[in-house]
PDB file of N, CA and C in Angstrom:
ATOM      1  N   UNK A   1    -121.230 -47.364  84.896  1.00  0.00           N
ATOM      2  CA  UNK A   1    -121.358 -46.501  83.576  1.00  0.00           C
ATOM      3  C   UNK A   1    -120.787 -44.954  83.569  1.00  0.00           C
ATOM      4  N   UNK A   2    -120.205 -44.300  82.909  1.00  0.00           N
ATOM      5  CA  UNK A   2    -119.762 -43.128  82.687  1.00  0.00           C
ATOM      6  C   UNK A   2    -120.349 -42.408  81.464  1.00  0.00           C
ATOM      7  N   UNK A   3    -120.631 -41.046  81.516  1.00  0.00           N
ATOM      8  CA  UNK A   3    -120.611 -40.423  80.292  1.00  0.00           C
ATOM      9  C   UNK A   3    -119.896 -39.091  80.928  1.00  0.00           C
ATOM     10  N   UNK A   4    -119.113 -38.514  80.008  1.00  0.00           N
ATOM     11  CA  UNK A   4    -118.600 -37.422  80.095  1.00  0.00           C
ATOM     12  C   UNK A   4    -118.080 -36.751  78.881  1.00  0.00           C
ATOM     13  N   UNK A   5    -117.871 -35.392  78.960  1.00  0.00           N
ATOM     14  CA  UNK A   5    -117.376 -34.677  77.912  1.00  0.00           C
ATOM     15  C   UNK A   5    -115.997 -34.668  78.617  1.00  0.00           C
ATOM     16  N   UNK A   6    -115.048 -34.990  77.356  1.00  0.00           N
ATOM     17  CA  UNK A   6    -113.482 -35.091  77.700  1.00  0.00           C
ATOM     18  C   UNK A   6    -113.047 -33.596  78.632  1.00  0.00           C
ATOM     19  N   UNK A   7    -113.473 -32.193  78.276  1.00  0.00           N
ATOM     20  CA  UNK A   7    -113.240 -31.306  78.871  1.00  0.00           C
ATOM     21  C   UNK A   7    -113.659 -31.206  80.240  1.00  0.00           C
ATOM     22  N   UNK A   8    -114.516 -31.961  80.718  1.00  0.00           N
ATOM     23  CA  UNK A   8    -114.779 -32.227  82.092  1.00  0.00           C
ATOM     24  C   UNK A   8    -113.954 -32.951  83.031  1.00  0.00           C
ATOM     25  N   UNK A   9    -112.933 -33.414  82.379  1.00  0.00           N
ATOM     26  CA  UNK A   9    -111.733 -34.286  83.150  1.00  0.00           C
ATOM     27  C   UNK A   9    -110.503 -33.610  83.506  1.00  0.00           C
ATOM     28  N   UNK A  10    -110.354 -33.796  84.448  1.00  0.00           N
ATOM     29  CA  UNK A  10    -108.907 -32.840  84.957  1.00  0.00           C
ATOM     30  C   UNK A  10    -107.588 -33.379  84.159  1.00  0.00           C
ATOM     31  N   UNK A  11    -107.147 -32.281  83.646  1.00  0.00           N
ATOM     32  CA  UNK A  11    -105.850 -32.597  82.894  1.00  0.00           C
ATOM     33  C   UNK A  11    -104.545 -32.525  83.869  1.00  0.00           C
ATOM     34  N   UNK A  12    -103.359 -33.343  83.656  1.00  0.00           N
ATOM     35  CA  UNK A  12    -102.743 -33.522  84.427  1.00  0.00           C
ATOM     36  C   UNK A  12    -101.568 -33.497  83.493  1.00  0.00           C
ATOM     37  N   UNK A  13    -100.365 -32.816  84.199  1.00  0.00           N
ATOM     38  CA  UNK A  13     -99.014 -32.766  83.472  1.00  0.00           C
ATOM     39  C   UNK A  13     -98.269 -33.959  83.571  1.00  0.00           C
ATOM     40  N   UNK A  14     -97.669 -34.391  82.733  1.00  0.00           N
ATOM     41  CA  UNK A  14     -97.112 -35.855  82.811  1.00  0.00           C
ATOM     42  C   UNK A  14     -95.608 -35.678  83.271  1.00  0.00           C
ATOM     43  N   UNK A  15     -95.473 -36.261  84.392  1.00  0.00           N
ATOM     44  CA  UNK A  15     -94.188 -35.857  85.028  1.00  0.00           C
ATOM     45  C   UNK A  15     -93.337 -37.027  84.985  1.00  0.00           C
ATOM     46  N   UNK A  16     -92.778 -37.507  83.970  1.00  0.00           N
ATOM     47  CA  UNK A  16     -91.773 -38.475  84.424  1.00  0.00           C
ATOM     48  C   UNK A  16     -90.299 -38.146  83.523  1.00  0.00           C
ATOM     49  N   UNK A  17     -89.029 -38.376  83.711  1.00  0.00           N
ATOM     50  CA  UNK A  17     -88.062 -38.633  83.014  1.00  0.00           C
ATOM     51  C   UNK A  17     -88.080 -38.547  81.556  1.00  0.00           C
ATOM     52  N   UNK A  18     -88.074 -37.801  80.732  1.00  0.00           N
ATOM     53  CA  UNK A  18     -87.787 -37.868  79.447  1.00  0.00           C
ATOM     54  C   UNK A  18     -88.829 -37.303  78.376  1.00  0.00           C
ATOM     55  N   UNK A  19     -89.742 -36.839  79.263  1.00  0.00           N
ATOM     56  CA  UNK A  19     -91.159 -36.085  78.770  1.00  0.00           C
ATOM     57  C   UNK A  19     -90.842 -34.610  78.418  1.00  0.00           C
ATOM     58  N   UNK A  20     -91.478 -33.929  77.700  1.00  0.00           N
ATOM     59  CA  UNK A  20     -91.244 -32.472  77.258  1.00  0.00           C
ATOM     60  C   UNK A  20     -92.722 -32.232  76.792  1.00  0.00           C
ATOM     61  N   UNK A  21     -93.401 -31.191  77.564  1.00  0.00           N
ATOM     62  CA  UNK A  21     -94.768 -30.585  77.152  1.00  0.00           C
ATOM     63  C   UNK A  21     -95.807 -31.648  76.844  1.00  0.00           C
ATOM     64  N   UNK A  22     -96.005 -32.549  77.595  1.00  0.00           N
ATOM     65  CA  UNK A  22     -97.250 -33.790  77.639  1.00  0.00           C
ATOM     66  C   UNK A  22     -98.069 -33.691  78.665  1.00  0.00           C
ATOM     67  N   UNK A  23     -99.403 -33.411  78.575  1.00  0.00           N
ATOM     68  CA  UNK A  23    -100.527 -33.728  79.463  1.00  0.00           C
ATOM     69  C   UNK A  23    -101.448 -34.996  79.117  1.00  0.00           C
ATOM     70  N   UNK A  24    -102.016 -35.359  80.162  1.00  0.00           N
ATOM     71  CA  UNK A  24    -102.953 -36.452  80.019  1.00  0.00           C
ATOM     72  C   UNK A  24    -104.233 -36.248  80.647  1.00  0.00           C
ATOM     73  N   UNK A  25    -105.427 -36.757  80.197  1.00  0.00           N
ATOM     74  CA  UNK A  25    -106.576 -36.488  80.639  1.00  0.00           C
ATOM     75  C   UNK A  25    -107.067 -38.221  80.785  1.00  0.00           C
ATOM     76  N   UNK A  26    -107.411 -38.822  82.015  1.00  0.00           N
ATOM     77  CA  UNK A  26    -107.507 -40.012  82.435  1.00  0.00           C
ATOM     78  C   UNK A  26    -109.272 -40.257  82.251  1.00  0.00           C
ATOM     79  N   UNK A  27    -109.472 -40.646  80.618  1.00  0.00           N
ATOM     80  CA  UNK A  27    -111.036 -40.491  80.251  1.00  0.00           C
ATOM     81  C   UNK A  27    -111.572 -41.575  81.059  1.00  0.00           C
ATOM     82  N   UNK A  28    -111.213 -43.140  80.866  1.00  0.00           N
ATOM     83  CA  UNK A  28    -111.956 -43.906  81.717  1.00  0.00           C
ATOM     84  C   UNK A  28    -110.850 -44.856  82.075  1.00  0.00           C
ATOM     85  N   UNK A  29    -110.880 -45.352  83.424  1.00  0.00           N
ATOM     86  CA  UNK A  29    -109.979 -46.201  84.362  1.00  0.00           C
ATOM     87  C   UNK A  29    -110.507 -46.813  85.331  1.00  0.00           C
ATOM     88  N   UNK A  30    -109.716 -47.555  85.867  1.00  0.00           N
ATOM     89  CA  UNK A  30    -110.390 -48.484  87.189  1.00  0.00           C
ATOM     90  C   UNK A  30    -111.240 -47.814  88.202  1.00  0.00           C
ATOM     91  N   UNK A  31    -110.962 -46.655  88.364  1.00  0.00           N
ATOM     92  CA  UNK A  31    -111.652 -45.564  89.393  1.00  0.00           C
ATOM     93  C   UNK A  31    -113.341 -45.540  88.872  1.00  0.00           C
ATOM     94  N   UNK A  32    -113.428 -45.795  87.273  1.00  0.00           N
ATOM     95  CA  UNK A  32    -114.583 -45.403  86.928  1.00  0.00           C
ATOM     96  C   UNK A  32    -115.492 -46.870  86.656  1.00  0.00           C
ATOM     97  N   UNK A  33    -114.579 -47.840  87.292  1.00  0.00           N
ATOM     98  CA  UNK A  33    -115.188 -49.306  87.132  1.00  0.00           C
ATOM     99  C   UNK A  33    -114.721 -50.162  85.911  1.00  0.00           C
ATOM    100  N   UNK A  34    -113.814 -49.478  85.134  1.00  0.00           N
ATOM    101  CA  UNK A  34    -113.542 -50.213  83.899  1.00  0.00           C
ATOM    102  C   UNK A  34    -112.494 -51.435  84.588  1.00  0.00           C
ATOM    103  N   UNK A  35    -113.015 -52.803  84.513  1.00  0.00           N
ATOM    104  CA  UNK A  35    -111.891 -53.717  85.114  1.00  0.00           C
ATOM    105  C   UNK A  35    -110.532 -53.976  84.400  1.00  0.00           C
ATOM    106  N   UNK A  36    -110.605 -53.779  83.004  1.00  0.00           N
ATOM    107  CA  UNK A  36    -109.702 -54.271  81.925  1.00  0.00           C
ATOM    108  C   UNK A  36    -108.819 -53.607  81.434  1.00  0.00           C
ATOM    109  N   UNK A  37    -109.384 -52.263  80.997  1.00  0.00           N
ATOM    110  CA  UNK A  37    -108.761 -51.145  80.095  1.00  0.00           C
ATOM    111  C   UNK A  37    -108.824 -49.972  80.507  1.00  0.00           C
ATOM    112  N   UNK A  38    -107.720 -49.252  80.245  1.00  0.00           N
ATOM    113  CA  UNK A  38    -108.000 -47.759  80.367  1.00  0.00           C
ATOM    114  C   UNK A  38    -107.860 -46.882  79.367  1.00  0.00           C
ATOM    115  N   UNK A  39    -108.621 -46.007  79.218  1.00  0.00           N
ATOM    116  CA  UNK A  39    -108.591 -45.015  77.817  1.00  0.00           C
ATOM    117  C   UNK A  39    -108.038 -43.454  78.225  1.00  0.00           C
ATOM    118  N   UNK A  40    -106.975 -43.173  77.695  1.00  0.00           N
ATOM    119  CA  UNK A  40    -106.199 -41.957  78.079  1.00  0.00           C
ATOM    120  C   UNK A  40    -106.138 -41.080  77.029  1.00  0.00           C
ATOM    121  N   UNK A  41    -106.301 -39.431  77.072  1.00  0.00           N
ATOM    122  CA  UNK A  41    -105.857 -38.641  75.995  1.00  0.00           C
ATOM    123  C   UNK A  41    -104.774 -37.823  76.340  1.00  0.00           C
ATOM    124  N   UNK A  42    -103.811 -37.825  75.436  1.00  0.00           N
ATOM    125  CA  UNK A  42    -102.438 -37.219  75.564  1.00  0.00           C
ATOM    126  C   UNK A  42    -102.245 -36.071  74.730  1.00  0.00           C
ATOM    127  N   UNK A  43    -101.961 -35.159  75.226  1.00  0.00           N
ATOM    128  CA  UNK A  43    -101.801 -33.817  74.056  1.00  0.00           C
ATOM    129  C   UNK A  43    -100.097 -33.645  74.371  1.00  0.00           C
ATOM    130  N   UNK A  44     -99.730 -33.230  73.343  1.00  0.00           N
ATOM    131  CA  UNK A  44     -98.091 -32.833  73.162  1.00  0.00           C
ATOM    132  C   UNK A  44     -98.342 -31.526  72.825  1.00  0.00           C
ATOM    133  N   UNK A  45     -97.358 -30.495  73.421  1.00  0.00           N
ATOM    134  CA  UNK A  45     -97.235 -29.267  72.750  1.00  0.00           C
ATOM    135  C   UNK A  45     -96.408 -29.519  71.697  1.00  0.00           C
ATOM    136  N   UNK A  46     -96.321 -28.281  70.890  1.00  0.00           N
ATOM    137  CA  UNK A  46     -95.125 -28.211  69.744  1.00  0.00           C
ATOM    138  C   UNK A  46     -93.839 -28.461  70.228  1.00  0.00           C
ATOM    139  N   UNK A  47     -93.004 -29.471  69.399  1.00  0.00           N
ATOM    140  CA  UNK A  47     -92.013 -29.656  69.957  1.00  0.00           C
ATOM    141  C   UNK A  47     -91.673 -30.741  71.515  1.00  0.00           C
ATOM    142  N   UNK A  48     -93.078 -31.164  71.964  1.00  0.00           N
ATOM    143  CA  UNK A  48     -93.171 -31.850  72.680  1.00  0.00           C
ATOM    144  C   UNK A  48     -93.014 -33.305  72.436  1.00  0.00           C
ATOM    145  N   UNK A  49     -92.938 -34.358  73.461  1.00  0.00           N
ATOM    146  CA  UNK A  49     -92.596 -35.845  73.252  1.00  0.00           C
ATOM    147  C   UNK A  49     -92.851 -36.359  74.476  1.00  0.00           C
ATOM    148  N   UNK A  50     -92.938 -37.574  74.310  1.00  0.00           N
ATOM    149  CA  UNK A  50     -93.307 -38.684  75.640  1.00  0.00           C
ATOM    150  C   UNK A  50     -91.741 -39.154  75.563  1.00  0.00           C
ATOM    151  N   UNK A  51     -91.360 -39.883  76.662  1.00  0.00           N
ATOM    152  CA  UNK A  51     -90.333 -40.529  77.123  1.00  0.00           C
ATOM    153  C   UNK A  51     -89.784 -41.690  76.002  1.00  0.00           C
ATOM    154  N   UNK A  52     -88.735 -41.972  75.474  1.00  0.00           N
ATOM    155  CA  UNK A  52     -88.481 -43.407  74.977  1.00  0.00           C
ATOM    156  C   UNK A  52     -88.462 -44.585  75.916  1.00  0.00           C
ATOM    157  N   UNK A  53     -89.674 -45.306  75.618  1.00  0.00           N
ATOM    158  CA  UNK A  53     -89.985 -46.234  77.019  1.00  0.00           C
ATOM    159  C   UNK A  53     -90.580 -47.923  76.131  1.00  0.00           C
ATOM    160  N   UNK A  54     -90.426 -48.514  77.360  1.00  0.00           N
ATOM    161  CA  UNK A  54     -90.990 -49.868  76.991  1.00  0.00           C
ATOM    162  C   UNK A  54     -91.867 -50.206  78.000  1.00  0.00           C
ATOM    163  N   UNK A  55     -92.791 -50.936  77.960  1.00  0.00           N
ATOM    164  CA  UNK A  55     -93.289 -51.713  79.065  1.00  0.00           C
ATOM    165  C   UNK A  55     -94.251 -52.788  78.726  1.00  0.00           C
ATOM    166  N   UNK A  56     -94.654 -53.623  79.529  1.00  0.00           N
ATOM    167  CA  UNK A  56     -95.142 -54.731  79.224  1.00  0.00           C
ATOM    168  C   UNK A  56     -96.837 -54.902  78.536  1.00  0.00           C
ATOM    169  N   UNK A  57     -97.497 -53.457  78.617  1.00  0.00           N
ATOM    170  CA  UNK A  57     -98.680 -53.412  78.203  1.00  0.00           C
ATOM    171  C   UNK A  57     -98.583 -53.197  76.757  1.00  0.00           C
ATOM    172  N   UNK A  58     -99.590 -53.889  75.818  1.00  0.00           N
ATOM    173  CA  UNK A  58     -99.594 -53.430  74.464  1.00  0.00           C
ATOM    174  C   UNK A  58    -100.752 -51.989  74.720  1.00  0.00           C
ATOM    175  N   UNK A  59    -100.535 -50.997  73.671  1.00  0.00           N
ATOM    176  CA  UNK A  59    -101.762 -49.935  73.750  1.00  0.00           C
ATOM    177  C   UNK A  59    -102.007 -49.911  72.210  1.00  0.00           C
ATOM    178  N   UNK A  60    -103.078 -49.165  72.094  1.00  0.00           N
ATOM    179  CA  UNK A  60    -103.751 -48.903  70.793  1.00  0.00           C
ATOM    180  C   UNK A  60    -103.796 -47.346  70.940  1.00  0.00           C
ATOM    181  N   UNK A  61    -103.421 -46.534  69.686  1.00  0.00           N
ATOM    182  CA  UNK A  61    -103.381 -45.089  69.522  1.00  0.00           C
ATOM    183  C   UNK A  61    -104.358 -44.543  68.734  1.00  0.00           C
ATOM    184  N   UNK A  62    -104.975 -43.780  68.495  1.00  0.00           N
ATOM    185  CA  UNK A  62    -105.786 -43.094  67.631  1.00  0.00           C
ATOM    186  C   UNK A  62    -105.496 -41.363  67.658  1.00  0.00           C
ATOM    187  N   UNK A  63    -104.798 -41.148  66.368  1.00  0.00           N
ATOM    188  CA  UNK A  63    -104.401 -39.581  66.339  1.00  0.00           C
ATOM    189  C   UNK A  63    -105.796 -38.631  66.140  1.00  0.00           C
ATOM    190  N   UNK A  64    -105.946 -37.819  67.009  1.00  0.00           N
ATOM    191  CA  UNK A  64    -107.082 -36.872  66.803  1.00  0.00           C
ATOM    192  C   UNK A  64    -106.829 -35.429  66.071  1.00  0.00           C
ATOM    193  N   UNK A  65    -105.932 -35.079  66.245  1.00  0.00           N
ATOM    194  CA  UNK A  65    -105.268 -33.837  65.746  1.00  0.00           C
ATOM    195  C   UNK A  65    -103.970 -33.680  65.624  1.00  0.00           C
ATOM    196  N   UNK A  66    -103.301 -33.012  64.945  1.00  0.00           N
ATOM    197  CA  UNK A  66    -101.903 -32.413  64.926  1.00  0.00           C
ATOM    198  C   UNK A  66    -100.931 -33.439  64.177  1.00  0.00           C
ATOM    199  N   UNK A  67     -99.764 -33.012  64.079  1.00  0.00           N
ATOM    200  CA  UNK A  67     -99.033 -33.870  63.000  1.00  0.00           C
ATOM    201  C   UNK A  67     -97.671 -34.634  64.140  1.00  0.00           C
ATOM    202  N   UNK A  68     -97.219 -35.638  63.874  1.00  0.00           N
ATOM    203  CA  UNK A  68     -96.422 -36.195  64.762  1.00  0.00           C
ATOM    204  C   UNK A  68     -95.259 -37.188  64.239  1.00  0.00           C
ATOM    205  N   UNK A  69     -94.484 -37.784  64.928  1.00  0.00           N
ATOM    206  CA  UNK A  69     -93.735 -38.808  64.504  1.00  0.00           C
ATOM    207  C   UNK A  69     -93.899 -40.216  65.681  1.00  0.00           C
ATOM    208  N   UNK A  70     -93.939 -41.087  65.101  1.00  0.00           N
ATOM    209  CA  UNK A  70     -93.835 -42.427  66.132  1.00  0.00           C
ATOM    210  C   UNK A  70     -92.284 -42.955  66.161  1.00  0.00           C
ATOM    211  N   UNK A  71     -91.414 -42.954  67.075  1.00  0.00           N
ATOM    212  CA  UNK A  71     -90.381 -43.527  67.034  1.00  0.00           C
ATOM    213  C   UNK A  71     -90.389 -45.229  67.652  1.00  0.00           C
ATOM    214  N   UNK A  72     -90.380 -46.054  66.967  1.00  0.00           N
ATOM    215  CA  UNK A  72     -90.468 -47.384  67.427  1.00  0.00           C
ATOM    216  C   UNK A  72     -89.481 -48.249  66.637  1.00  0.00           C
ATOM    217  N   UNK A  73     -88.962 -48.944  67.811  1.00  0.00           N
ATOM    218  CA  UNK A  73     -87.599 -49.642  67.548  1.00  0.00           C
ATOM    219  C   UNK A  73     -86.827 -49.314  66.718  1.00  0.00           C
ATOM    220  N   UNK A  74     -86.340 -47.810  66.863  1.00  0.00           N
ATOM    221  CA  UNK A  74     -85.252 -47.358  65.992  1.00  0.00           C
ATOM    222  C   UNK A  74     -85.469 -46.968  64.650  1.00  0.00           C
ATOM    223  N   UNK A  75     -87.081 -46.771  64.327  1.00  0.00           N
ATOM    224  CA  UNK A  75     -87.366 -46.386  63.159  1.00  0.00           C
ATOM    225  C   UNK A  75     -88.100 -45.385  63.063  1.00  0.00           C
ATOM    226  N   UNK A  76     -88.693 -44.510  62.255  1.00  0.00           N
ATOM    227  CA  UNK A  76     -89.761 -43.227  62.726  1.00  0.00           C
ATOM    228  C   UNK A  76     -90.617 -43.347  61.343  1.00  0.00           C
ATOM    229  N   UNK A  77     -91.892 -42.982  62.085  1.00  0.00           N
ATOM    230  CA  UNK A  77     -93.248 -43.141  61.285  1.00  0.00           C
ATOM    231  C   UNK A  77     -93.740 -41.980  61.286  1.00  0.00           C
ATOM    232  N   UNK A  78     -94.097 -41.288  60.390  1.00  0.00           N
ATOM    233  CA  UNK A  78     -95.055 -40.101  60.648  1.00  0.00           C
ATOM    234  C   UNK A  78     -96.494 -40.443  60.681  1.00  0.00           C
ATOM    235  N   UNK A  79     -97.149 -39.477  61.667  1.00  0.00           N
ATOM    236  CA  UNK A  79     -98.644 -39.535  61.978  1.00  0.00           C
ATOM    237  C   UNK A  79     -99.198 -38.247  61.948  1.00  0.00           C
ATOM    238  N   UNK A  80    -100.593 -38.549  61.456  1.00  0.00           N
ATOM    239  CA  UNK A  80    -101.366 -37.255  61.538  1.00  0.00           C
ATOM    240  C   UNK A  80    -102.742 -37.630  61.791  1.00  0.00           C
ATOM    241  N   UNK A  81    -103.453 -36.690  61.836  1.00  0.00           N
ATOM    242  CA  UNK A  81    -104.852 -36.934  62.033  1.00  0.00           C
ATOM    243  C   UNK A  81    -105.604 -38.367  61.571  1.00  0.00           C
ATOM    244  N   UNK A  82    -105.870 -38.955  62.446  1.00  0.00           N
ATOM    245  CA  UNK A  82    -106.846 -40.055  61.638  1.00  0.00           C
ATOM    246  C   UNK A  82    -105.883 -41.294  61.543  1.00  0.00           C
ATOM    247  N   UNK A  83    -104.773 -41.417  62.217  1.00  0.00           N
ATOM    248  CA  UNK A  83    -103.840 -42.404  61.728  1.00  0.00           C
ATOM    249  C   UNK A  83    -104.075 -43.298  63.181  1.00  0.00           C
ATOM    250  N   UNK A  84    -103.948 -44.536  63.177  1.00  0.00           N
ATOM    251  CA  UNK A  84    -104.023 -45.674  64.496  1.00  0.00           C
ATOM    252  C   UNK A  84    -102.757 -46.634  64.368  1.00  0.00           C
ATOM    253  N   UNK A  85    -102.107 -46.487  65.517  1.00  0.00           N
ATOM    254  CA  UNK A  85    -101.267 -47.173  65.832  1.00  0.00           C
ATOM    255  C   UNK A  85    -101.432 -48.104  67.074  1.00  0.00           C
ATOM    256  N   UNK A  86    -100.556 -49.543  66.614  1.00  0.00           N
ATOM    257  CA  UNK A  86    -100.549 -50.769  67.686  1.00  0.00           C
ATOM    258  C   UNK A  86     -99.355 -50.926  67.898  1.00  0.00           C
ATOM    259  N   UNK A  87     -99.182 -50.641  69.374  1.00  0.00           N
ATOM    260  CA  UNK A  87     -97.828 -50.991  69.888  1.00  0.00           C
ATOM    261  C   UNK A  87     -97.884 -52.150  70.536  1.00  0.00           C
ATOM    262  N   UNK A  88     -96.907 -53.174  70.122  1.00  0.00           N
ATOM    263  CA  UNK A  88     -96.870 -54.487  71.185  1.00  0.00           C
ATOM    264  C   UNK A  88     -96.127 -54.762  72.153  1.00  0.00           C
ATOM    265  N   UNK A  89     -96.372 -55.328  73.194  1.00  0.00           N
ATOM    266  CA  UNK A  89     -95.771 -55.471  74.422  1.00  0.00           C
ATOM    267  C   UNK A  89     -94.196 -55.132  74.251  1.00  0.00           C
ATOM    268  N   UNK A  90     -93.657 -54.370  75.527  1.00  0.00           N
ATOM    269  CA  UNK A  90     -92.104 -54.690  75.407  1.00  0.00           C
ATOM    270  C   UNK A  90     -91.379 -54.119  74.205  1.00  0.00           C
ATOM    271  N   UNK A  91     -91.858 -53.232  73.371  1.00  0.00           N
ATOM    272  CA  UNK A  91     -91.134 -52.550  72.437  1.00  0.00           C
ATOM    273  C   UNK A  91     -91.017 -51.024  72.730  1.00  0.00           C
ATOM    274  N   UNK A  92     -89.740 -50.455  72.310  1.00  0.00           N
ATOM    275  CA  UNK A  92     -89.394 -49.203  72.561  1.00  0.00           C
ATOM    276  C   UNK A  92     -90.140 -48.551  71.530  1.00  0.00           C
ATOM    277  N   UNK A  93     -90.583 -47.281  72.044  1.00  0.00           N
ATOM    278  CA  UNK A  93     -91.649 -46.271  71.402  1.00  0.00           C
ATOM    279  C   UNK A  93     -91.320 -44.985  71.898  1.00  0.00           C
ATOM    280  N   UNK A  94     -91.816 -43.965  71.213  1.00  0.00           N
ATOM    281  CA  UNK A  94     -91.884 -42.734  71.372  1.00  0.00           C
ATOM    282  C   UNK A  94     -92.485 -41.836  70.951  1.00  0.00           C
ATOM    283  N   UNK A  95     -93.626 -40.889  71.036  1.00  0.00           N
ATOM    284  CA  UNK A  95     -94.398 -40.107  70.327  1.00  0.00           C
ATOM    285  C   UNK A  95     -93.593 -38.518  70.383  1.00  0.00           C
ATOM    286  N   UNK A  96     -93.466 -37.881  69.430  1.00  0.00           N
ATOM    287  CA  UNK A  96     -93.178 -36.678  69.313  1.00  0.00           C
ATOM    288  C   UNK A  96     -94.022 -35.601  68.210  1.00  0.00           C
ATOM    289  N   UNK A  97     -94.392 -34.381  68.846  1.00  0.00           N
ATOM    290  CA  UNK A  97     -95.016 -33.561  67.916  1.00  0.00           C
ATOM    291  C   UNK A  97     -93.970 -32.758  67.123  1.00  0.00           C
ATOM    292  N   UNK A  98     -94.191 -32.999  65.800  1.00  0.00           N
ATOM    293  CA  UNK A  98     -93.374 -32.171  64.673  1.00  0.00           C
ATOM    294  C   UNK A  98     -94.248 -31.047  63.996  1.00  0.00           C
ATOM    295  N   UNK A  99     -95.298 -30.792  64.411  1.00  0.00           N
ATOM    296  CA  UNK A  99     -95.919 -29.780  64.081  1.00  0.00           C
ATOM    297  C   UNK A  99     -96.237 -28.494  64.708  1.00  0.00           C
ATOM    298  N   UNK A 100     -96.952 -27.535  64.225  1.00  0.00           N
ATOM    299  CA  UNK A 100     -96.839 -26.120  65.190  1.00  0.00           C
ATOM    300  C   UNK A 100     -98.145 -26.029  65.781  1.00  0.00           C
ATOM    301  N   UNK A 101     -99.046 -27.080  66.154  1.00  0.00           N
ATOM    302  CA  UNK A 101    -100.036 -27.141  67.107  1.00  0.00           C
ATOM    303  C   UNK A 101     -99.782 -28.266  67.360  1.00  0.00           C
ATOM    304  N   UNK A 102    -100.730 -28.506  68.539  1.00  0.00           N
ATOM    305  CA  UNK A 102    -100.985 -29.698  69.542  1.00  0.00           C
ATOM    306  C   UNK A 102    -101.046 -31.014  68.748  1.00  0.00           C
ATOM    307  N   UNK A 103    -100.389 -32.028  69.021  1.00  0.00           N
ATOM    308  CA  UNK A 103    -100.605 -33.448  68.956  1.00  0.00           C
ATOM    309  C   UNK A 103    -101.635 -33.900  70.338  1.00  0.00           C
ATOM    310  N   UNK A 104    -102.937 -34.822  69.479  1.00  0.00           N
ATOM    311  CA  UNK A 104    -103.636 -35.058  70.666  1.00  0.00           C
ATOM    312  C   UNK A 104    -103.961 -36.398  70.267  1.00  0.00           C
ATOM    313  N   UNK A 105    -104.033 -37.431  70.922  1.00  0.00           N
ATOM    314  CA  UNK A 105    -104.174 -38.827  70.882  1.00  0.00           C
ATOM    315  C   UNK A 105    -104.869 -39.350  71.890  1.00  0.00           C
ATOM    316  N   UNK A 106    -105.739 -40.654  71.356  1.00  0.00           N
ATOM    317  CA  UNK A 106    -106.177 -41.360  72.545  1.00  0.00           C
ATOM    318  C   UNK A 106    -105.493 -42.421  72.735  1.00  0.00           C
ATOM    319  N   UNK A 107    -104.973 -43.181  73.828  1.00  0.00           N
ATOM    320  CA  UNK A 107    -104.222 -44.268  73.960  1.00  0.00           C
ATOM    321  C   UNK A 107    -105.115 -45.273  75.012  1.00  0.00           C
ATOM    322  N   UNK A 108    -104.995 -46.166  74.520  1.00  0.00           N
ATOM    323  CA  UNK A 108    -105.919 -47.405  75.273  1.00  0.00           C
ATOM    324  C   UNK A 108    -105.041 -48.417  75.642  1.00  0.00           C
ATOM    325  N   UNK A 109    -105.064 -48.849  76.911  1.00  0.00           N
ATOM    326  CA  UNK A 109    -104.007 -49.821  77.452  1.00  0.00           C
ATOM    327  C   UNK A 109    -104.947 -50.853  78.168  1.00  0.00           C
ATOM    328  N   UNK A 110    -104.219 -52.195  78.343  1.00  0.00           N
ATOM    329  CA  UNK A 110    -104.777 -53.069  79.438  1.00  0.00           C
ATOM    330  C   UNK A 110    -104.362 -52.765  80.871  1.00  0.00           C
ATOM    331  N   UNK A 111    -105.040 -52.752  81.623  1.00  0.00           N
ATOM    332  CA  UNK A 111    -104.635 -52.182  83.077  1.00  0.00           C
ATOM    333  C   UNK A 111    -103.359 -53.002  83.484  1.00  0.00           C
ATOM    334  N   UNK A 112    -102.498 -52.233  84.128  1.00  0.00           N
ATOM    335  CA  UNK A 112    -101.012 -52.833  84.341  1.00  0.00           C
ATOM    336  C   UNK A 112    -101.551 -54.004  85.490  1.00  0.00           C
ATOM    337  N   UNK A 113    -102.383 -54.014  86.272  1.00  0.00           N
ATOM    338  CA  UNK A 113    -102.694 -55.162  87.409  1.00  0.00           C
ATOM    339  C   UNK A 113    -103.046 -56.458  86.522  1.00  0.00           C
ATOM    340  N   UNK A 114    -103.144 -56.374  85.327  1.00  0.00           N
ATOM    341  CA  UNK A 114    -103.456 -57.519  84.585  1.00  0.00           C
ATOM    342  C   UNK A 114    -102.008 -58.418  84.176  1.00  0.00           C
ATOM    343  N   UNK A 115    -100.863 -57.741  84.439  1.00  0.00           N
ATOM    344  CA  UNK A 115     -99.900 -58.175  83.879  1.00  0.00           C
ATOM    345  C   UNK A 115     -99.276 -58.729  85.175  1.00  0.00           C
ATOM    346  N   UNK A 116     -98.553 -60.155  85.223  1.00  0.00           N
ATOM    347  CA  UNK A 116     -97.918 -60.581  86.464  1.00  0.00           C
ATOM    348  C   UNK A 116     -96.621 -59.891  86.701  1.00  0.00           C
TER     349      UNK A 116
END
């Protein structure tokens, strides 16, 4: 069991090719005893973005604050507070902050170890 305020969880800079101005807090993970899913909170600074990428894990996203764009399979979708997104496995996608404030969102994924 784990009960925390998200502010008590370490902020990590996202360091990978194609990323600009992104941080993550690993809210719940295998290190907390969660065997199947991980919950992460991402924050993109204005004009920040994740890489355009794909992976075998599906994920579910909930926008907490800010304005953004989801690039999905070559199309763009506007995102704002209280939008939710499902991204299936192996689909190209990217999140971009198009606003003047942080774009903050929750992202839930199955643990990569569950995929062969």
